[in-house]
Protein backbone atom coordinates (compact mmCIF):
# COMPACT_ATOMS: atom_id res chain seq x y z
CA MET A 1 -9.85 3.92 20.13
CA ILE A 2 -7.27 3.04 22.83
CA GLY A 3 -8.77 3.16 26.31
CA ASN A 4 -7.23 3.22 29.74
CA PRO A 5 -4.64 0.37 29.80
CA PHE A 6 -5.32 -0.19 33.52
CA LYS A 7 -8.81 -1.29 32.48
CA ARG A 8 -7.64 -3.76 29.83
CA TYR A 9 -4.38 -5.42 30.88
CA ARG A 10 -3.09 -7.32 33.86
CA ILE A 11 -1.46 -5.29 36.62
CA ASP A 12 1.77 -7.30 36.68
CA ARG A 13 2.20 -6.84 32.92
CA LEU A 14 1.53 -3.13 33.23
CA PHE A 15 4.22 -2.84 35.92
CA PHE A 16 6.68 -4.76 33.78
CA GLY A 17 5.81 -2.83 30.65
CA SER A 18 5.74 0.63 32.24
CA PHE A 19 9.09 0.45 33.96
CA ALA A 20 10.74 -1.37 31.06
CA LEU A 21 9.34 1.18 28.60
CA LEU A 22 10.55 4.10 30.72
CA VAL A 23 14.09 2.75 31.00
CA THR A 24 14.12 1.76 27.32
CA LEU A 25 13.05 5.25 26.23
CA VAL A 26 15.79 6.82 28.35
CA ILE A 27 18.42 4.46 26.90
CA ILE A 28 17.18 5.03 23.34
CA THR A 29 17.31 8.79 23.86
CA ILE A 30 20.89 8.60 25.14
CA ILE A 31 21.90 6.32 22.26
CA TRP A 32 20.31 8.59 19.68
CA ILE A 33 21.84 11.78 21.07
CA SER A 34 25.32 10.24 21.35
CA TYR A 35 25.03 8.72 17.88
CA SER A 36 23.83 11.99 16.31
CA LEU A 37 26.55 14.12 17.90
CA THR A 38 29.44 11.74 17.23
CA SER A 39 28.31 10.89 13.67
CA ARG A 40 27.98 14.58 12.85
CA GLU A 41 31.45 15.28 14.18
CA LEU A 42 32.91 12.30 12.33
CA ALA A 43 31.22 13.41 9.10
CA THR A 44 32.69 16.92 9.44
CA THR A 45 36.18 15.57 10.09
CA ALA A 46 35.92 13.03 7.28
CA SER A 47 34.69 15.60 4.75
CA THR A 48 37.54 17.98 5.62
CA ASN A 49 40.16 15.25 5.24
CA GLN A 50 38.58 14.01 2.03
CA GLN A 51 38.65 17.46 0.47
CA LYS A 52 42.34 17.79 1.29
CA LEU A 53 43.04 14.37 -0.21
CA LEU A 54 40.99 15.15 -3.33
CA ASN A 55 42.96 18.37 -3.84
CA GLU A 56 46.24 16.46 -3.64
CA LEU A 57 45.00 13.82 -6.08
CA ASN A 58 43.67 16.53 -8.36
CA ASN A 59 47.10 18.16 -8.49
CA GLU A 60 48.74 14.88 -9.39
CA ILE A 61 46.20 13.97 -12.08
CA THR A 62 46.19 17.51 -13.44
CA SER A 63 49.96 17.52 -13.85
CA ARG A 64 49.83 14.30 -15.86
CA MET A 65 46.94 15.32 -18.05
CA VAL A 66 48.35 18.80 -18.67
CA THR A 67 51.58 17.11 -19.73
CA ILE A 68 49.60 15.09 -22.28
CA GLU A 69 47.95 18.27 -23.58
CA GLN A 70 51.31 20.00 -23.98
CA ILE A 71 52.82 16.97 -25.71
CA SER A 72 49.90 16.80 -28.11
CA LEU A 73 50.23 20.51 -28.82
CA SER A 74 53.93 20.14 -29.51
CA LYS A 75 53.43 17.13 -31.78
CA SER A 76 50.58 18.80 -33.66
CA ARG A 77 53.05 21.55 -34.69
CA ASP A 78 55.83 19.17 -35.63
CA ASP A 79 57.00 19.96 -39.17
CA SER A 80 57.40 16.35 -40.23
CA LEU A 81 53.83 15.54 -39.05
CA LEU A 82 52.40 18.63 -40.74
CA SER A 83 54.27 17.84 -43.94
CA LEU A 84 53.03 14.24 -43.91
CA LEU A 85 49.38 15.17 -43.25
CA SER A 86 49.31 18.14 -45.63
CA GLY A 87 50.56 16.02 -48.57
CA ASP A 88 53.30 18.46 -49.62
CA ASN A 89 55.45 15.61 -50.88
CA ASP A 90 52.78 13.42 -52.49
CA GLU A 91 54.70 13.59 -55.73
CA ASP A 92 57.69 11.80 -54.21
CA GLU A 93 56.64 8.47 -52.71
CA PHE A 94 60.04 7.81 -51.18
CA ILE A 95 60.10 11.12 -49.33
CA ARG A 96 56.56 10.49 -48.13
CA TYR A 97 57.57 7.06 -46.84
CA GLN A 98 60.55 8.53 -45.00
CA GLN A 99 58.26 11.13 -43.38
CA PHE A 100 55.86 8.39 -42.35
CA LYS A 101 58.66 6.41 -40.68
CA GLU A 102 59.99 9.49 -38.95
CA VAL A 103 56.60 10.46 -37.54
CA LYS A 104 55.87 6.89 -36.45
CA GLN A 105 59.24 6.58 -34.75
CA SER A 106 58.75 9.89 -32.93
CA LEU A 107 55.33 8.90 -31.66
CA ALA A 108 56.52 5.41 -30.73
CA SER A 109 59.35 6.90 -28.67
CA LEU A 110 56.82 9.06 -26.87
CA THR A 111 54.61 6.05 -26.15
CA ASN A 112 57.50 3.97 -24.85
CA SER A 113 58.76 6.77 -22.62
CA MET A 114 55.40 7.31 -20.91
CA PRO A 115 53.72 4.17 -19.43
CA LEU A 116 50.50 6.18 -19.07
CA ILE A 117 50.06 6.28 -22.86
CA GLU A 118 48.38 3.17 -24.25
CA GLY A 119 48.66 4.21 -27.91
CA ILE A 120 48.41 7.07 -30.41
CA ASP A 121 46.14 7.40 -33.44
CA VAL A 122 46.72 9.80 -36.33
CA PHE A 123 43.74 10.51 -38.56
CA MET A 124 44.73 11.82 -42.01
CA ASN A 125 43.75 11.78 -45.63
CA ASP A 126 45.07 8.77 -47.52
CA PRO A 127 47.09 7.20 -44.66
CA GLY A 128 48.77 4.80 -47.10
CA TYR A 129 51.04 2.96 -44.67
CA GLY A 130 50.02 1.27 -41.45
CA ASP A 131 50.71 -1.58 -39.10
CA SER A 132 47.73 -3.28 -37.40
CA VAL A 133 49.86 -4.58 -34.50
CA SER A 134 51.52 -1.28 -33.67
CA TYR A 135 50.77 1.12 -30.84
CA ILE A 136 50.85 3.89 -33.47
CA GLN A 137 47.98 3.80 -35.93
CA PHE A 138 47.50 5.93 -39.05
CA LEU A 139 43.78 5.97 -39.87
CA ASP A 140 41.64 7.48 -42.58
CA LEU A 141 40.21 10.86 -41.68
CA LYS A 142 36.79 9.69 -42.86
CA GLU A 143 36.73 7.21 -39.95
CA ALA A 144 36.94 10.03 -37.37
CA SER A 145 33.21 10.71 -37.42
CA ARG A 146 32.56 7.18 -36.16
CA GLN A 147 34.90 7.39 -33.17
CA TYR A 148 33.77 7.56 -29.55
CA TRP A 149 35.09 11.12 -29.15
CA ALA A 150 33.66 12.48 -32.42
CA GLU A 151 30.94 14.60 -30.81
CA ASP A 152 33.33 16.10 -28.22
CA ILE A 153 35.85 17.41 -30.81
CA LYS A 154 33.17 19.18 -32.83
CA ARG A 155 32.87 21.94 -30.22
CA ASN A 156 36.62 22.61 -29.66
CA ASP A 157 40.00 22.18 -31.26
CA PHE A 158 40.83 19.69 -28.52
CA ALA A 159 38.80 17.60 -26.09
CA TRP A 160 39.00 14.88 -23.46
CA SER A 161 36.74 11.88 -23.78
CA ASP A 162 35.33 9.94 -20.85
CA GLU A 163 36.36 6.36 -20.14
CA TYR A 164 35.47 3.82 -22.83
CA LYS A 165 36.55 0.50 -24.31
CA ARG A 166 39.00 0.85 -27.24
CA ALA A 167 39.67 -1.98 -29.62
CA SER A 168 43.38 -2.63 -30.24
CA PHE A 169 45.56 -5.47 -31.43
CA LYS A 170 45.74 -6.61 -27.78
CA GLY A 171 41.94 -6.65 -27.40
CA GLU A 172 39.60 -4.15 -25.80
CA ILE A 173 41.31 -1.80 -23.33
CA SER A 174 39.71 0.86 -21.12
CA VAL A 175 41.15 4.26 -22.07
CA ILE A 176 40.62 7.98 -21.81
CA SER A 177 41.48 9.79 -25.02
CA PHE A 178 42.76 13.28 -25.65
CA VAL A 179 41.98 14.51 -29.16
CA ARG A 180 43.57 17.54 -30.81
CA THR A 181 42.74 18.95 -34.22
CA ILE A 182 45.78 19.37 -36.51
CA LEU A 183 45.61 22.58 -38.50
CA TYR A 184 47.71 23.67 -41.45
CA ASN A 185 47.17 27.09 -43.01
CA ASN A 186 43.97 27.39 -40.92
CA LYS A 187 42.69 24.19 -42.46
CA ARG A 188 41.96 20.96 -40.61
CA ILE A 189 44.15 18.21 -42.03
CA GLY A 190 43.76 15.55 -39.32
CA TYR A 191 43.49 14.59 -35.67
CA LEU A 192 46.08 13.50 -33.15
CA VAL A 193 44.55 11.16 -30.55
CA ILE A 194 46.52 10.09 -27.47
CA HIS A 195 44.96 7.21 -25.55
CA LEU A 196 45.71 7.02 -21.83
CA LYS A 197 45.38 3.85 -19.77
CA SER A 198 42.40 4.39 -17.51
CA GLU A 199 43.74 1.69 -15.19
CA LEU A 200 46.84 3.76 -14.38
CA LEU A 201 44.78 6.92 -13.99
CA GLY A 202 42.45 4.96 -11.71
CA GLN A 203 45.40 3.97 -9.53
CA VAL A 204 46.31 7.63 -9.21
CA LEU A 205 42.68 8.42 -8.41
CA ILE A 206 42.62 5.76 -5.67
CA GLY A 207 45.84 7.09 -4.14
CA HIS A 208 46.80 5.45 -0.86
CA SER A 209 43.21 4.80 0.22
CA THR A 210 42.39 1.46 1.82
CA GLY A 211 39.10 -0.37 1.57
CA GLU A 212 36.33 0.31 -0.91
CA VAL A 213 36.62 3.74 -2.55
CA SER A 214 34.13 5.42 -4.90
CA ARG A 215 35.62 8.41 -6.76
CA ILE A 216 34.70 10.23 -9.96
CA MET A 217 36.68 12.67 -12.09
CA LEU A 218 34.59 15.33 -13.86
CA ASP A 219 35.46 17.61 -16.75
CA MET A 220 34.62 21.31 -16.87
CA SER A 221 31.04 20.59 -17.96
CA GLY A 222 30.51 18.33 -14.98
CA GLN A 223 30.44 15.10 -16.98
CA PRO A 224 32.27 12.04 -15.54
CA ILE A 225 35.33 11.02 -17.54
CA LEU A 226 36.81 8.52 -15.07
CA GLN A 227 35.18 6.64 -12.22
CA ILE A 228 36.11 3.88 -9.81
CA GLY A 229 34.10 1.95 -7.23
CA ASN A 230 30.32 2.00 -6.90
CA VAL A 231 29.08 5.10 -8.71
CA PRO A 232 25.50 6.37 -9.18
CA ASP A 233 23.50 5.70 -12.33
CA ALA A 234 22.84 8.46 -14.89
CA GLU A 235 19.51 9.55 -13.41
CA THR A 236 20.86 9.76 -9.86
CA TRP A 237 23.99 11.53 -11.06
CA ALA A 238 21.90 14.23 -12.76
CA ASP A 239 20.23 15.02 -9.41
CA LEU A 240 23.58 15.07 -7.58
CA LYS A 241 25.17 17.32 -10.19
CA ALA A 242 22.41 19.91 -9.64
CA LYS A 243 23.39 20.12 -5.95
CA MET A 244 27.06 20.91 -6.66
CA ASP A 245 27.43 24.62 -5.97
CA GLY A 246 30.91 26.13 -6.19
CA PRO A 247 34.32 24.55 -6.74
CA SER A 248 34.16 22.54 -3.49
CA GLY A 249 31.50 21.32 -1.15
CA VAL A 250 29.95 18.48 0.80
CA PHE A 251 26.42 17.19 1.37
CA ARG A 252 24.65 14.01 2.40
CA ILE A 253 22.86 11.69 -0.01
CA GLU A 254 19.75 10.26 1.60
CA ALA A 255 18.86 6.59 1.18
CA GLY A 256 16.40 5.70 -1.57
CA ASN A 257 15.84 3.73 -4.77
CA GLY A 258 17.75 0.77 -3.40
CA THR A 259 20.80 2.85 -2.34
CA SER A 260 22.09 3.54 1.16
CA ALA A 261 22.87 6.95 2.65
CA SER A 262 26.28 8.38 1.66
CA LEU A 263 28.54 11.40 2.16
CA PHE A 264 29.18 13.32 -1.09
CA VAL A 265 32.43 15.37 -1.18
CA TYR A 266 33.72 17.26 -4.25
CA ALA A 267 36.75 19.52 -4.79
CA ARG A 268 38.45 21.40 -7.66
CA ASN A 269 41.72 23.28 -7.48
CA ILE A 270 41.95 26.85 -8.72
CA ASN A 271 44.36 25.98 -11.54
CA SER A 272 42.60 22.77 -12.52
CA LYS A 273 39.70 22.21 -14.87
CA TRP A 274 38.87 18.82 -13.36
CA THR A 275 36.71 18.16 -10.32
CA LEU A 276 37.16 15.11 -8.14
CA VAL A 277 34.22 13.56 -6.30
CA GLU A 278 34.29 11.00 -3.50
CA ILE A 279 31.20 9.10 -2.32
CA THR A 280 31.56 7.37 1.05
CA PRO A 281 28.85 5.16 2.59
CA TRP A 282 27.45 6.76 5.71
CA SER A 283 27.94 3.48 7.54
CA GLU A 284 31.70 3.74 6.98
CA ILE A 285 31.80 7.22 8.49
CA THR A 286 29.66 6.37 11.52
CA LYS A 287 31.41 3.13 12.51
CA GLY A 288 32.71 4.72 15.70
CA SER A 289 29.27 6.08 16.56
CA VAL A 290 27.70 2.69 16.05
CA LYS A 291 30.23 1.07 18.41
CA LEU A 292 29.46 3.66 21.07
CA ALA A 293 25.73 3.12 20.58
CA LYS A 294 26.20 -0.65 20.99
CA VAL A 295 28.04 -0.17 24.28
CA ILE A 296 25.26 2.07 25.57
CA ALA A 297 22.68 -0.46 24.34
CA VAL A 298 24.35 -3.24 26.35
CA ILE A 299 24.33 -1.07 29.44
CA GLY A 300 20.69 -0.25 28.77
CA ALA A 301 19.77 -3.92 28.39
CA LEU A 302 21.32 -4.68 31.78
CA SER A 303 19.41 -1.75 33.28
CA VAL A 304 16.14 -3.02 31.79
CA LEU A 305 16.82 -6.51 33.20
CA LEU A 306 17.45 -5.10 36.68
CA THR A 307 14.28 -3.01 36.41
CA LEU A 308 12.23 -6.05 35.44
CA ILE A 309 13.47 -7.97 38.47
CA ILE A 310 12.52 -5.11 40.81
CA THR A 311 9.10 -4.63 39.19
CA MET A 312 8.42 -8.36 39.37
CA LEU A 313 8.91 -8.32 43.15
CA LEU A 314 6.67 -5.28 43.49
CA SER A 315 3.96 -6.53 41.16
CA MET A 316 3.69 -9.83 43.04
CA GLN A 317 2.60 -7.94 46.14
CA PHE A 318 -0.02 -6.05 44.12
CA THR A 319 -1.34 -8.94 42.05
CA LYS A 320 -1.50 -11.61 44.77
CA PRO A 321 -4.80 -10.36 46.35
CA ILE A 322 -6.22 -9.61 42.89
CA LYS A 323 -5.53 -13.18 41.77
CA LYS A 324 -7.26 -14.47 44.90
CA LEU A 325 -10.29 -12.35 44.09
CA VAL A 326 -10.33 -13.47 40.44
CA GLY A 327 -9.98 -17.12 41.49
CA ALA A 328 -12.92 -16.79 43.88
CA MET A 329 -15.02 -15.17 41.15
CA ASN A 330 -14.20 -17.90 38.62
CA ARG A 331 -15.13 -20.72 41.04
CA TYR A 332 -18.21 -19.01 42.41
CA SER A 333 -21.36 -21.14 42.46
CA VAL A 334 -24.70 -20.28 44.03
CA ASP A 335 -25.26 -23.73 45.51
CA GLY A 336 -21.63 -24.91 45.65
CA GLU A 337 -18.75 -24.48 48.06
CA ASN A 338 -16.93 -21.17 47.38
CA LEU A 339 -13.42 -19.95 48.18
CA LYS A 340 -13.02 -17.79 51.26
CA LEU A 341 -11.19 -14.51 50.83
CA PRO A 342 -8.76 -13.25 53.50
CA ASP A 343 -10.15 -10.72 55.97
CA ASP A 344 -6.86 -9.24 57.22
CA TYR A 345 -6.52 -6.60 54.48
CA ARG A 346 -7.19 -3.06 55.69
CA ASN A 347 -6.52 -1.17 52.43
CA GLU A 348 -8.28 -0.96 49.06
CA PHE A 349 -8.07 -4.74 48.63
CA GLY A 350 -10.00 -5.16 51.88
CA TYR A 351 -12.76 -2.94 50.47
CA LEU A 352 -12.85 -5.10 47.33
CA PHE A 353 -13.16 -8.31 49.33
CA SER A 354 -15.95 -6.87 51.50
CA GLY A 355 -17.84 -5.61 48.45
CA TYR A 356 -17.49 -9.00 46.78
CA ARG A 357 -19.02 -10.78 49.79
CA LYS A 358 -22.01 -8.41 49.80
CA GLN A 359 -22.42 -8.88 46.05
CA ASN A 360 -22.59 -12.66 46.49
CA GLU A 361 -25.35 -12.27 49.05
CA ARG A 362 -27.37 -10.13 46.63
CA ILE A 363 -26.80 -12.65 43.83
CA GLU A 364 -28.17 -15.48 45.96
CA GLN A 365 -31.28 -13.43 46.76
CA LEU A 366 -31.76 -12.59 43.06
CA VAL A 367 -31.38 -16.23 41.99
CA GLN A 368 -34.05 -17.27 44.47
CA SER A 369 -36.36 -14.58 43.09
CA LEU A 370 -35.73 -15.74 39.50
CA ARG A 371 -36.52 -19.33 40.41
CA GLU A 372 -39.89 -18.28 41.79
CA ARG A 373 -40.67 -16.22 38.69
CA HIS A 374 -39.64 -19.10 36.43
CA GLU A 375 -42.08 -21.42 38.11
CA LEU A 376 -44.88 -18.89 37.64
CA GLN A 377 -43.96 -18.43 33.96
CA LYS A 378 -43.99 -22.19 33.29
CA LYS A 379 -47.45 -22.42 34.87
CA ALA A 380 -48.73 -19.57 32.65
CA GLU A 381 -47.31 -21.18 29.51
CA MET A 382 -49.05 -24.47 30.25
CA GLU A 383 -52.36 -22.66 30.68
CA ALA A 384 -51.83 -20.81 27.39
CA LEU A 385 -51.07 -24.06 25.55
CA GLN A 386 -54.23 -25.62 26.90
CA ALA A 387 -56.28 -22.64 25.68
CA ASN A 388 -54.68 -22.55 22.23
CA ILE A 389 -56.82 -23.46 19.19
CA ASN A 390 -55.67 -26.55 17.30
CA PRO A 391 -54.83 -25.52 13.66
CA HIS A 392 -56.16 -28.88 12.46
CA PHE A 393 -59.59 -27.96 13.82
CA LEU A 394 -59.51 -24.81 11.64
CA TYR A 395 -58.45 -26.78 8.52
CA ASN A 396 -61.17 -29.40 9.14
CA THR A 397 -63.82 -26.71 9.57
CA LEU A 398 -62.85 -25.00 6.29
CA ASP A 399 -62.83 -28.39 4.56
CA GLN A 400 -66.34 -29.14 5.77
CA LEU A 401 -67.55 -25.71 4.62
CA ASN A 402 -65.91 -26.37 1.24
CA TRP A 403 -67.80 -29.64 0.80
CA ILE A 404 -71.07 -27.92 1.75
CA ALA A 405 -70.38 -25.26 -0.91
CA ILE A 406 -69.59 -27.92 -3.52
CA THR A 407 -72.76 -29.84 -2.63
CA ASN A 408 -74.79 -26.64 -3.12
CA HIS A 409 -72.97 -25.89 -6.37
CA GLN A 410 -71.35 -22.75 -4.93
CA GLU A 411 -68.12 -22.95 -6.93
CA GLU A 412 -66.99 -19.43 -6.04
CA ILE A 413 -67.46 -19.99 -2.31
CA SER A 414 -65.71 -23.35 -2.64
CA ARG A 415 -62.76 -21.70 -4.38
CA ILE A 416 -62.62 -18.95 -1.75
CA LEU A 417 -62.58 -21.51 1.06
CA GLU A 418 -59.82 -23.43 -0.69
CA LEU A 419 -57.74 -20.28 -1.11
CA MET A 420 -58.33 -19.29 2.51
CA GLY A 421 -57.10 -22.70 3.63
CA ARG A 422 -53.88 -22.20 1.69
CA MET A 423 -53.52 -18.70 3.18
CA PHE A 424 -53.98 -20.05 6.73
CA ARG A 425 -51.42 -22.78 6.11
CA ILE A 426 -48.82 -20.23 4.91
CA GLY A 427 -49.75 -17.79 7.69
CA LEU A 428 -49.16 -20.36 10.41
CA SER A 429 -45.98 -21.79 8.77
CA ASN A 430 -45.42 -24.16 11.70
CA GLY A 431 -44.63 -21.17 13.88
CA ASN A 432 -41.78 -19.89 11.65
CA THR A 433 -41.26 -16.14 11.39
CA PHE A 434 -39.51 -16.31 7.99
CA ILE A 435 -40.82 -18.00 4.82
CA THR A 436 -39.54 -18.18 1.23
CA VAL A 437 -40.40 -15.57 -1.39
CA LYS A 438 -42.24 -18.35 -3.25
CA GLU A 439 -44.54 -18.95 -0.25
CA GLU A 440 -45.12 -15.20 0.15
CA ILE A 441 -46.06 -14.94 -3.54
CA GLU A 442 -48.46 -17.89 -3.13
CA HIS A 443 -50.06 -16.15 -0.15
CA LEU A 444 -50.51 -12.93 -2.18
CA SER A 445 -51.86 -14.86 -5.19
CA CYS A 446 -54.49 -16.53 -3.02
CA TYR A 447 -55.58 -13.20 -1.57
CA LEU A 448 -55.73 -11.47 -4.97
CA GLU A 449 -57.66 -14.37 -6.53
CA ILE A 450 -60.25 -14.04 -3.75
CA GLN A 451 -60.49 -10.31 -4.61
CA GLN A 452 -60.89 -11.16 -8.30
CA ILE A 453 -63.86 -13.34 -7.40
CA ARG A 454 -65.18 -10.50 -5.31
CA TYR A 455 -64.78 -7.88 -8.10
CA LYS A 456 -66.11 -10.28 -10.77
CA GLY A 457 -62.82 -10.34 -12.69
CA ALA A 458 -62.44 -6.53 -12.84
CA LEU A 459 -59.25 -6.74 -10.75
CA GLN A 460 -56.07 -7.77 -12.54
CA PHE A 461 -52.73 -8.56 -10.93
CA PHE A 462 -49.25 -9.37 -12.27
CA ILE A 463 -46.35 -10.82 -10.25
CA ASP A 464 -42.82 -10.66 -11.70
CA SER A 465 -40.27 -12.67 -9.72
CA PRO A 466 -37.29 -14.68 -11.12
CA GLU A 467 -37.07 -18.29 -9.96
CA SER A 468 -33.67 -17.69 -8.32
CA ILE A 469 -35.19 -15.06 -6.03
CA GLN A 470 -38.11 -17.29 -4.97
CA LEU A 471 -35.74 -19.42 -2.86
CA LEU A 472 -34.73 -16.43 -0.69
CA TYR A 473 -36.26 -15.84 2.76
CA ILE A 474 -38.29 -12.85 3.97
CA PRO A 475 -40.49 -12.16 7.03
CA LYS A 476 -43.87 -13.80 6.41
CA MET A 477 -46.96 -11.80 5.40
CA ILE A 478 -44.84 -8.64 4.97
CA LEU A 479 -46.38 -7.68 1.59
CA GLN A 480 -50.04 -8.57 2.16
CA PRO A 481 -50.90 -5.30 4.01
CA PHE A 482 -49.70 -3.20 1.03
CA VAL A 483 -51.64 -5.30 -1.52
CA GLU A 484 -54.76 -5.21 0.66
CA ASN A 485 -54.37 -1.44 1.04
CA ALA A 486 -54.19 -1.09 -2.77
CA VAL A 487 -57.41 -3.12 -3.21
CA VAL A 488 -59.42 -1.59 -0.35
CA HIS A 489 -58.40 2.07 -0.77
CA GLY A 490 -56.98 2.30 -4.30
CA PHE A 491 -60.03 0.78 -5.99
CA HIS A 492 -62.63 2.25 -3.67
CA ASN A 493 -65.74 3.28 -5.69
CA ARG A 494 -64.13 1.98 -8.90
CA SER A 495 -65.19 -0.82 -11.22
CA ASN A 496 -61.71 -2.14 -12.13
CA GLY A 497 -58.01 -1.90 -11.27
CA THR A 498 -54.54 -3.42 -11.71
CA VAL A 499 -51.88 -4.41 -9.18
CA ARG A 500 -48.27 -5.12 -10.25
CA ILE A 501 -45.70 -6.73 -8.01
CA ARG A 502 -41.99 -6.89 -9.00
CA ILE A 503 -39.30 -8.59 -6.89
CA LYS A 504 -35.62 -8.25 -7.86
CA GLN A 505 -32.06 -8.01 -6.51
CA SER A 506 -30.25 -4.68 -6.77
CA GLU A 507 -26.89 -3.64 -5.24
CA GLY A 508 -26.89 -6.54 -2.78
CA LYS A 509 -30.45 -5.92 -1.56
CA LEU A 510 -33.84 -7.47 -2.23
CA VAL A 511 -36.08 -4.79 -3.77
CA ILE A 512 -39.89 -5.27 -3.85
CA GLU A 513 -42.12 -2.83 -5.76
CA ILE A 514 -45.94 -2.79 -5.54
CA GLU A 515 -47.86 -0.47 -7.87
CA ASP A 516 -51.56 0.12 -8.49
CA ASP A 517 -53.53 2.48 -10.70
CA GLY A 518 -55.97 3.51 -8.01
CA GLN A 519 -56.60 6.86 -6.28
CA GLY A 520 -52.98 7.42 -5.22
CA TYR A 521 -51.31 7.71 -1.85
CA GLN A 522 -52.94 10.36 0.39
CA PRO A 523 -51.61 10.04 3.93
CA ALA A 524 -53.81 12.77 5.36
CA ARG A 525 -57.03 11.19 3.99
CA THR A 526 -56.18 7.52 4.57
CA PRO A 527 -58.25 6.13 7.44
CA LYS A 528 -56.26 4.19 9.99
CA ARG A 529 -57.72 0.78 9.40
CA LYS A 530 -55.91 -2.43 10.15
CA THR A 531 -54.59 -2.80 6.63
CA GLY A 532 -54.20 0.81 5.57
CA GLY A 533 -52.64 2.28 8.70
CA TYR A 534 -51.71 -0.12 11.46
CA GLY A 535 -50.82 -2.94 9.05
CA ILE A 536 -48.22 -0.82 7.25
CA ARG A 537 -46.86 0.51 10.54
CA ASN A 538 -46.61 -3.07 11.80
CA VAL A 539 -44.58 -4.04 8.70
CA ARG A 540 -42.21 -1.12 9.23
CA GLU A 541 -41.74 -2.01 12.88
CA ARG A 542 -41.06 -5.66 12.01
CA ILE A 543 -38.46 -4.71 9.37
CA PHE A 544 -36.73 -2.37 11.80
CA ALA A 545 -36.78 -5.00 14.56
CA HIS A 546 -35.27 -7.66 12.28
CA PHE A 547 -32.78 -5.66 10.20
CA GLY A 548 -32.33 -2.16 11.68
CA GLY A 549 -32.64 1.20 9.96
CA ASP A 550 -30.76 0.32 6.74
CA TYR A 551 -33.91 -1.22 5.19
CA VAL A 552 -37.01 0.93 4.68
CA VAL A 553 -40.55 1.10 3.31
CA GLU A 554 -41.43 4.00 0.99
CA LEU A 555 -44.95 4.98 -0.19
CA LYS A 556 -45.61 7.66 -2.81
CA SER A 557 -48.13 8.58 -5.48
CA ARG A 558 -47.38 7.77 -9.10
CA GLU A 559 -47.41 10.62 -11.65
CA GLU A 560 -49.68 8.57 -13.93
CA GLY A 561 -52.03 7.80 -11.02
CA GLY A 562 -52.05 5.23 -8.28
CA THR A 563 -49.60 4.34 -5.53
CA HIS A 564 -46.02 3.04 -5.59
CA VAL A 565 -44.68 1.06 -2.63
CA GLY A 566 -40.94 0.26 -2.35
CA VAL A 567 -39.65 -2.26 0.20
CA THR A 568 -35.93 -3.04 0.58
CA LEU A 569 -34.79 -6.13 2.49
CA PRO A 570 -31.50 -7.99 2.90
CA VAL A 571 -30.77 -11.00 0.69
CA LEU A 572 -31.27 -14.07 2.93
CA TYR A 573 -30.33 -17.50 1.63
CA THR A 574 -31.20 -19.19 4.94
CA ILE A 575 -33.52 -18.49 7.84
CA PRO A 576 -31.67 -16.09 10.20
């Protein structure tokens, strides 16, 4: 949560930051508004000019491609070509050879007269003659199904292919092919394929444009057949194609998938079946806007610099008395020589200085009071130490009692005294509040063994604790009240009983379970003795004091009889 900045940061920095931020926001707003307005106007002007240019280029390309269609139509009806492909003169090889030469010469003349044509292929049955290094190729009709344009011609009598690499005697050449089916007596007898140089068509598509240009020529189905520059991939193009509504239009392509924002303009003439598309990077269109924004940014930077100078002079007057006050506070010492604050301020700073002087007087009085209390406390601690019982005296007394019991052949009393000595040693623990799980288990074992002696072996107990857990630390004597409660209350007026203790790790916590098969947990009937009431409450209070409310003690009756106690503690590898 962000609080009041005047409570967290230095005043001089707040002055600098506030004024600089205000001027910066104003400059940014001006830059953004000017950039938005000018870039929008430039985009509108650019799209209008681009559509006009695309229409002009479309007319030029259309005239050339329509010429190719008309030539192919004329050639497909040529008598010599029809006679050659239909096989009317198959019986006379000489006549057939003459027809072949005539057709080849006619097509070669056409190719030579039009630089746009790269070559012509004629697909026919039993081509017979051919020249592998000629621009005119006579190919077997069976090979047509394996050509690049094979799928396009299936739907129409003629079709345009898109740009592809064609193998020729000069190597691979990029071409666009126009394919027309040759019919004779309503029967397909071959194909006439005119290959156009895509390089020359690309030059027409570029026009007189300078710089990097990205343009695409689309057929009537909206599929690209010729493209120059950086064009979108197939997936992106499918999305763009869906946005093309009508013969002409313009929209912006947002940045994404590694591409920058662009202006998308498309146009198609009324008498044309081709659509031209131009994609211009948005940065190219908004160059003028960017220059204007840079000029405004420079002016803004100078304004921010001037503002900082003014705010520096103002902030010095505000921060000078505050720095004096902070310096006096940092060097303050009760018994040392302290800095004197000026007394000529009559405004809010004067009130601060006066309040600080009064506060120092109260501090000196409080320190004197604490010194007196400290002396009294030290005196009380010495008296308490003198009155404290020496633990060695207790151990020696138990040892003497043990020897008396051994001398009188009181083995049970001797064992009880020995166990009590071990319990006292663990209970004192050199004054430590935390002991290991192993020591806590030893303390419980001693207590339960004493109870076994008391109940003549009718009490049984089982402790399940992995060795890895026994090295962890827990508050000392935290389990003894629950075990004692189980023995005193659970087995009251009974001849036998069982206590089970399980210690394990679960979900990052130390889980301790104590179960007995006694009378069960009855809070309303349980007398508040030291072990049954106050002892358990003391354990809960100690756990809460050490670890907070995330770790609890739960007591409940078991369905099969007896009481279940659950204690959750944190996993401690060292003494906290």
